[in-house]
Amino acid sequence: MNPALWKKACSDAWVQLLITSVLLALFAWLFVWLMSLFSAGAWTRLFHWLPEGIQDFLHNWLRVEVVDLASVAGRISFVYLHMVTVLLFLGWAVGRGSDTVSGGIANGTMELILTLPVRRVWVLVVPAVVSTLGAVVLAAAIWGGTWLGLTTVELEENLSIWLFLPGAVNLFAMTFCLGGVTTLLSSWDHDRWRTIWLAVGFFVVSTILKLVSRLWEPGAWLGYFSFLTTFEPQQLILMREEAWSASIGYNVPLLVVGLAGYVAAAVIFTWRDIPVPR
């Protein structure tokens, strides 16, 4: 394996990894502080004041009881599925996955890389490993930011940072899955922006399918077509002692789909022709 591949993959990824990690850690710390400004009683009253239809909507969507959402752990757990958090993880998965093949073809570096004395499969494996390790770092960053918040912010209840680890692991699994799918899309394309739009579209469609399957009972079967069906960091956090045994059913499907995406991408990239950059 040529060290130049590792050098290029790390060079392409480290700036995004650093910025995203810092943002996640700071956002998690800020979120814990914001949640400390409201008491559990205030949240409980707020939820009970909501119309029954909205309460049913929240329960069907989040699959978590209102009393759990109002608890200190429940309020903090929102940071693991907050839009800001999801977008930052989405940016990493799509950004790294789209750069693997179509990004290199589009910017003209792929032709040079393929002149190296290495097998084609390693040209894809190396950035995939860097992307996966980066996802681990990002999950550790939001978990570390949560720890920083629990340590520095006064809360109504003392919580163990280990309570939130299943949520961070589920975030990693989701990112690994999306990274594998994006790499698969990148493996047969030559336009990075098209790969990005296809991957984002895949994520959006998966989100819609999950939402419809949760809120429309006859359409519950649609959840089987969304990889986000097993992305439930908040549920895992609030399961407490049962979280690790339950996490197998949540994380394994995501890891399997992601790995299948990487394997399929490697097969396609090994046999395809590389066009001249346009």
Protein backbone atom coordinates (compact mmCIF):
# COMPACT_ATOMS: atom_id res chain seq x y z
CA MET A 1 0.00 0.00 0.00
CA ASN A 2 1.48 3.36 -1.02
CA PRO A 3 1.94 5.94 1.80
CA ALA A 4 0.98 8.63 -0.71
CA LEU A 5 -2.62 7.37 -0.59
CA TRP A 6 -2.78 7.83 3.18
CA LYS A 7 -1.13 11.23 2.95
CA LYS A 8 -3.63 12.44 0.35
CA ALA A 9 -6.67 11.03 2.17
CA CYS A 10 -5.65 12.62 5.47
CA SER A 11 -4.73 15.89 3.78
CA ASP A 12 -8.13 16.08 2.08
CA ALA A 13 -10.06 15.33 5.27
CA TRP A 14 -8.29 16.90 8.25
CA VAL A 15 -9.64 20.46 7.90
CA GLN A 16 -13.27 19.33 7.69
CA LEU A 17 -12.68 16.87 10.53
CA LEU A 18 -11.15 19.51 12.80
CA ILE A 19 -13.82 22.14 12.15
CA THR A 20 -16.70 19.68 12.46
CA SER A 21 -15.32 18.16 15.67
CA VAL A 22 -14.95 21.55 17.33
CA LEU A 23 -18.44 22.60 16.26
CA LEU A 24 -19.98 19.37 17.58
CA ALA A 25 -18.21 19.59 20.93
CA LEU A 26 -19.14 23.24 21.43
CA PHE A 27 -22.71 22.70 20.29
CA ALA A 28 -23.18 19.77 22.69
CA TRP A 29 -21.78 21.82 25.58
CA LEU A 30 -24.00 24.79 24.67
CA PHE A 31 -27.04 22.54 24.36
CA VAL A 32 -26.51 21.11 27.85
CA TRP A 33 -26.25 24.64 29.21
CA LEU A 34 -29.44 25.71 27.43
CA MET A 35 -31.32 22.70 28.80
CA SER A 36 -30.19 23.62 32.33
CA LEU A 37 -32.15 26.87 32.08
CA PHE A 38 -35.48 25.01 32.15
CA SER A 39 -36.78 22.78 34.92
CA ALA A 40 -38.33 19.38 34.35
CA GLY A 41 -41.61 20.71 35.71
CA ALA A 42 -41.69 23.48 33.13
CA TRP A 43 -41.12 20.99 30.30
CA THR A 44 -43.78 18.65 31.66
CA ARG A 45 -46.33 21.47 31.84
CA LEU A 46 -45.38 22.55 28.32
CA PHE A 47 -45.94 19.07 26.91
CA HIS A 48 -49.27 18.69 28.73
CA TRP A 49 -50.46 22.08 27.45
CA LEU A 50 -49.94 20.93 23.88
CA PRO A 51 -53.07 19.77 22.03
CA GLU A 52 -53.60 16.03 22.16
CA GLY A 53 -52.97 15.74 18.43
CA ILE A 54 -49.52 17.30 18.76
CA GLN A 55 -48.72 15.06 21.73
CA ASP A 56 -49.66 12.02 19.65
CA PHE A 57 -47.54 13.37 16.79
CA LEU A 58 -44.48 13.71 19.04
CA HIS A 59 -44.98 10.27 20.54
CA ASN A 60 -45.43 8.56 17.16
CA TRP A 61 -42.46 10.40 15.69
CA LEU A 62 -39.97 10.05 18.55
CA ARG A 63 -41.39 6.85 20.09
CA VAL A 64 -40.54 8.23 23.54
CA GLU A 65 -42.90 8.96 26.42
CA VAL A 66 -43.51 12.61 27.33
CA VAL A 67 -42.34 12.06 30.90
CA ASP A 68 -38.99 10.79 29.57
CA LEU A 69 -38.63 13.75 27.21
CA ALA A 70 -39.15 16.14 30.13
CA SER A 71 -36.42 14.53 32.24
CA VAL A 72 -32.90 15.92 32.32
CA ALA A 73 -31.57 13.00 30.26
CA GLY A 74 -34.47 13.33 27.83
CA ARG A 75 -33.86 17.01 27.23
CA ILE A 76 -30.13 16.57 26.71
CA SER A 77 -30.67 13.56 24.44
CA PHE A 78 -32.23 15.86 21.83
CA VAL A 79 -28.72 17.04 20.91
CA TYR A 80 -28.03 13.62 19.35
CA LEU A 81 -30.78 14.02 16.77
CA HIS A 82 -30.82 17.82 16.53
CA MET A 83 -30.80 19.22 13.00
CA VAL A 84 -27.40 20.88 13.56
CA THR A 85 -25.86 17.60 14.71
CA VAL A 86 -27.37 15.57 11.87
CA LEU A 87 -26.29 18.11 9.24
CA LEU A 88 -22.69 18.09 10.49
CA PHE A 89 -22.53 14.29 10.38
CA LEU A 90 -24.28 14.33 7.00
CA GLY A 91 -21.68 16.78 5.69
CA TRP A 92 -18.86 14.48 6.74
CA ALA A 93 -20.36 11.31 5.26
CA VAL A 94 -21.37 12.91 1.96
CA GLY A 95 -18.27 15.09 1.68
CA ARG A 96 -15.82 12.23 2.19
CA GLY A 97 -17.82 9.65 0.24
CA SER A 98 -18.30 11.89 -2.80
CA ASP A 99 -14.59 12.75 -2.92
CA THR A 100 -13.48 9.12 -3.09
CA VAL A 101 -13.93 8.54 -6.83
CA SER A 102 -16.07 11.13 -8.61
CA GLY A 103 -14.30 13.93 -6.74
CA GLY A 104 -10.92 12.69 -7.89
CA ILE A 105 -12.12 12.32 -11.47
CA ALA A 106 -13.68 15.79 -11.48
CA ASN A 107 -10.56 17.57 -10.21
CA GLY A 108 -8.15 15.54 -12.33
CA THR A 109 -6.22 13.84 -9.52
CA MET A 110 -7.59 10.34 -10.12
CA GLU A 111 -5.49 9.85 -13.27
CA LEU A 112 -2.35 10.65 -11.28
CA ILE A 113 -3.35 8.41 -8.37
CA LEU A 114 -3.90 5.44 -10.67
CA THR A 115 -0.31 5.73 -11.92
CA LEU A 116 0.89 4.68 -8.45
CA PRO A 117 2.05 1.05 -8.10
CA VAL A 118 -0.98 -0.04 -6.06
CA ARG A 119 -4.08 -2.08 -6.73
CA ARG A 120 -7.17 -0.07 -7.55
CA VAL A 121 -9.08 -1.38 -4.58
CA TRP A 122 -6.67 0.35 -2.18
CA VAL A 123 -7.41 3.69 -3.85
CA LEU A 124 -10.93 3.29 -2.47
CA VAL A 125 -10.15 1.46 0.79
CA VAL A 126 -7.78 4.11 2.15
CA PRO A 127 -10.22 7.07 2.02
CA ALA A 128 -12.96 4.75 3.30
CA VAL A 129 -10.85 3.94 6.37
CA VAL A 130 -10.09 7.63 6.91
CA SER A 131 -13.79 8.46 6.58
CA THR A 132 -14.71 5.74 9.10
CA LEU A 133 -12.08 6.84 11.61
CA GLY A 134 -13.28 10.40 11.15
CA ALA A 135 -16.83 9.33 11.97
CA VAL A 136 -15.50 7.79 15.19
CA VAL A 137 -13.80 11.09 16.03
CA LEU A 138 -17.00 13.06 15.36
CA ALA A 139 -19.04 10.72 17.56
CA ALA A 140 -16.41 11.12 20.28
CA ALA A 141 -16.55 14.90 19.83
CA ILE A 142 -20.28 15.21 20.51
CA TRP A 143 -19.99 12.73 23.38
CA GLY A 144 -17.05 14.71 24.76
CA GLY A 145 -19.02 17.94 24.43
CA THR A 146 -21.83 16.33 26.40
CA TRP A 147 -19.32 15.31 29.09
CA LEU A 148 -18.00 18.87 29.20
CA GLY A 149 -21.55 20.15 29.69
CA LEU A 150 -22.35 17.64 32.43
CA THR A 151 -19.10 18.57 34.18
CA THR A 152 -19.35 22.35 34.00
CA VAL A 153 -23.11 23.00 34.09
CA GLU A 154 -25.28 22.64 37.20
CA LEU A 155 -28.24 20.35 36.48
CA GLU A 156 -31.20 19.13 38.51
CA GLU A 157 -29.89 15.57 38.34
CA ASN A 158 -26.41 14.07 38.25
CA LEU A 159 -26.08 12.06 35.06
CA SER A 160 -23.36 9.65 34.01
CA ILE A 161 -21.71 10.43 30.70
CA TRP A 162 -21.90 6.69 29.88
CA LEU A 163 -25.67 7.08 29.60
CA PHE A 164 -25.15 8.97 26.32
CA LEU A 165 -22.58 6.65 24.74
CA PRO A 166 -25.19 4.44 22.96
CA GLY A 167 -26.53 7.57 21.24
CA ALA A 168 -23.05 8.54 20.05
CA VAL A 169 -22.43 5.01 18.74
CA ASN A 170 -25.73 5.11 16.86
CA LEU A 171 -24.66 8.40 15.28
CA PHE A 172 -21.42 6.77 14.16
CA ALA A 173 -23.30 3.81 12.66
CA MET A 174 -25.62 6.14 10.72
CA THR A 175 -22.63 8.11 9.40
CA PHE A 176 -20.80 4.93 8.39
CA CYS A 177 -23.90 3.74 6.54
CA LEU A 178 -24.38 7.00 4.65
CA GLY A 179 -20.66 7.13 3.88
CA GLY A 180 -20.84 3.67 2.31
CA VAL A 181 -23.88 4.58 0.22
CA THR A 182 -22.28 7.84 -0.92
CA THR A 183 -19.06 6.03 -1.86
CA LEU A 184 -21.14 3.58 -3.91
CA LEU A 185 -22.76 6.49 -5.75
CA SER A 186 -19.33 8.05 -6.26
CA SER A 187 -17.78 4.84 -7.61
CA TRP A 188 -19.66 4.93 -10.92
CA ASP A 189 -19.92 8.71 -11.39
CA HIS A 190 -17.49 11.36 -12.60
CA ASP A 191 -19.27 14.48 -11.32
CA ARG A 192 -18.82 15.10 -7.59
CA TRP A 193 -21.71 17.55 -7.32
CA ARG A 194 -24.09 15.04 -8.88
CA THR A 195 -22.90 12.46 -6.36
CA ILE A 196 -23.53 14.93 -3.54
CA TRP A 197 -27.05 15.71 -4.73
CA LEU A 198 -27.86 12.03 -5.16
CA ALA A 199 -26.60 11.23 -1.65
CA VAL A 200 -28.47 14.15 -0.09
CA GLY A 201 -31.57 13.12 -2.03
CA PHE A 202 -31.19 9.58 -0.69
CA PHE A 203 -31.04 10.99 2.84
CA VAL A 204 -34.08 13.23 2.31
CA VAL A 205 -36.16 10.41 0.81
CA SER A 206 -35.16 8.14 3.69
CA THR A 207 -36.23 10.84 6.16
CA ILE A 208 -39.61 11.22 4.46
CA LEU A 209 -40.19 7.46 4.37
CA LYS A 210 -39.36 7.17 8.05
CA LEU A 211 -41.65 10.07 8.95
CA VAL A 212 -44.56 8.71 6.91
CA SER A 213 -44.12 5.20 8.34
CA ARG A 214 -44.25 6.61 11.86
CA LEU A 215 -47.21 8.95 11.43
CA TRP A 216 -49.39 6.97 8.98
CA GLU A 217 -50.21 3.55 10.39
CA PRO A 218 -51.17 1.89 7.06
CA GLY A 219 -47.80 2.99 5.69
CA ALA A 220 -45.71 1.48 8.49
CA TRP A 221 -44.14 -0.89 5.94
CA LEU A 222 -42.41 2.08 4.30
CA GLY A 223 -40.01 2.14 7.23
CA TYR A 224 -38.29 -0.96 5.82
CA PHE A 225 -37.11 1.16 2.87
CA SER A 226 -35.45 3.84 5.03
CA PHE A 227 -31.99 3.32 6.49
CA LEU A 228 -32.91 5.93 9.11
CA THR A 229 -35.50 3.62 10.66
CA THR A 230 -32.79 2.27 12.97
CA PHE A 231 -31.27 5.70 13.61
CA GLU A 232 -32.69 6.28 17.10
CA PRO A 233 -30.00 7.77 19.38
CA GLN A 234 -32.56 9.33 21.71
CA GLN A 235 -34.42 6.06 22.22
CA LEU A 236 -31.18 4.25 23.02
CA ILE A 237 -30.14 6.89 25.53
CA LEU A 238 -33.47 6.74 27.35
CA MET A 239 -33.42 2.94 27.47
CA ARG A 240 -30.63 3.30 30.04
CA GLU A 241 -29.61 -0.20 31.24
CA GLU A 242 -31.22 -1.95 28.26
CA ALA A 243 -29.53 0.30 25.70
CA TRP A 244 -26.54 -1.89 24.86
CA SER A 245 -28.54 -5.05 24.27
CA ALA A 246 -31.06 -3.12 22.17
CA SER A 247 -28.35 -1.26 20.23
CA ILE A 248 -27.47 -4.43 18.31
CA GLY A 249 -30.78 -4.26 16.46
CA TYR A 250 -30.27 -0.55 15.76
CA ASN A 251 -26.59 -0.41 14.79
CA VAL A 252 -25.95 -3.71 13.00
CA PRO A 253 -28.34 -2.98 10.07
CA LEU A 254 -26.67 0.39 9.55
CA LEU A 255 -23.19 -1.12 9.64
CA VAL A 256 -24.19 -3.92 7.26
CA VAL A 257 -25.69 -1.51 4.70
CA GLY A 258 -22.66 0.76 4.94
CA LEU A 259 -20.22 -2.13 4.52
CA ALA A 260 -22.23 -3.46 1.57
CA GLY A 261 -22.01 -0.02 -0.02
CA TYR A 262 -18.22 0.06 0.36
CA VAL A 263 -17.81 -3.48 -1.01
CA ALA A 264 -20.03 -2.77 -4.01
CA ALA A 265 -18.15 0.49 -4.62
CA ALA A 266 -14.83 -1.38 -4.58
CA VAL A 267 -16.08 -3.90 -7.14
CA ILE A 268 -17.43 -1.19 -9.46
CA PHE A 269 -14.34 0.99 -9.18
CA THR A 270 -12.00 -1.95 -9.82
CA TRP A 271 -13.58 -2.70 -13.20
CA ARG A 272 -14.80 0.64 -14.49
CA ASP A 273 -13.10 2.92 -17.01
CA ILE A 274 -11.87 6.26 -15.71
CA PRO A 275 -12.94 9.10 -18.04
CA VAL A 276 -10.91 12.20 -18.73
CA PRO A 277 -11.96 15.05 -16.36
CA ARG A 278 -14.35 17.56 -17.90
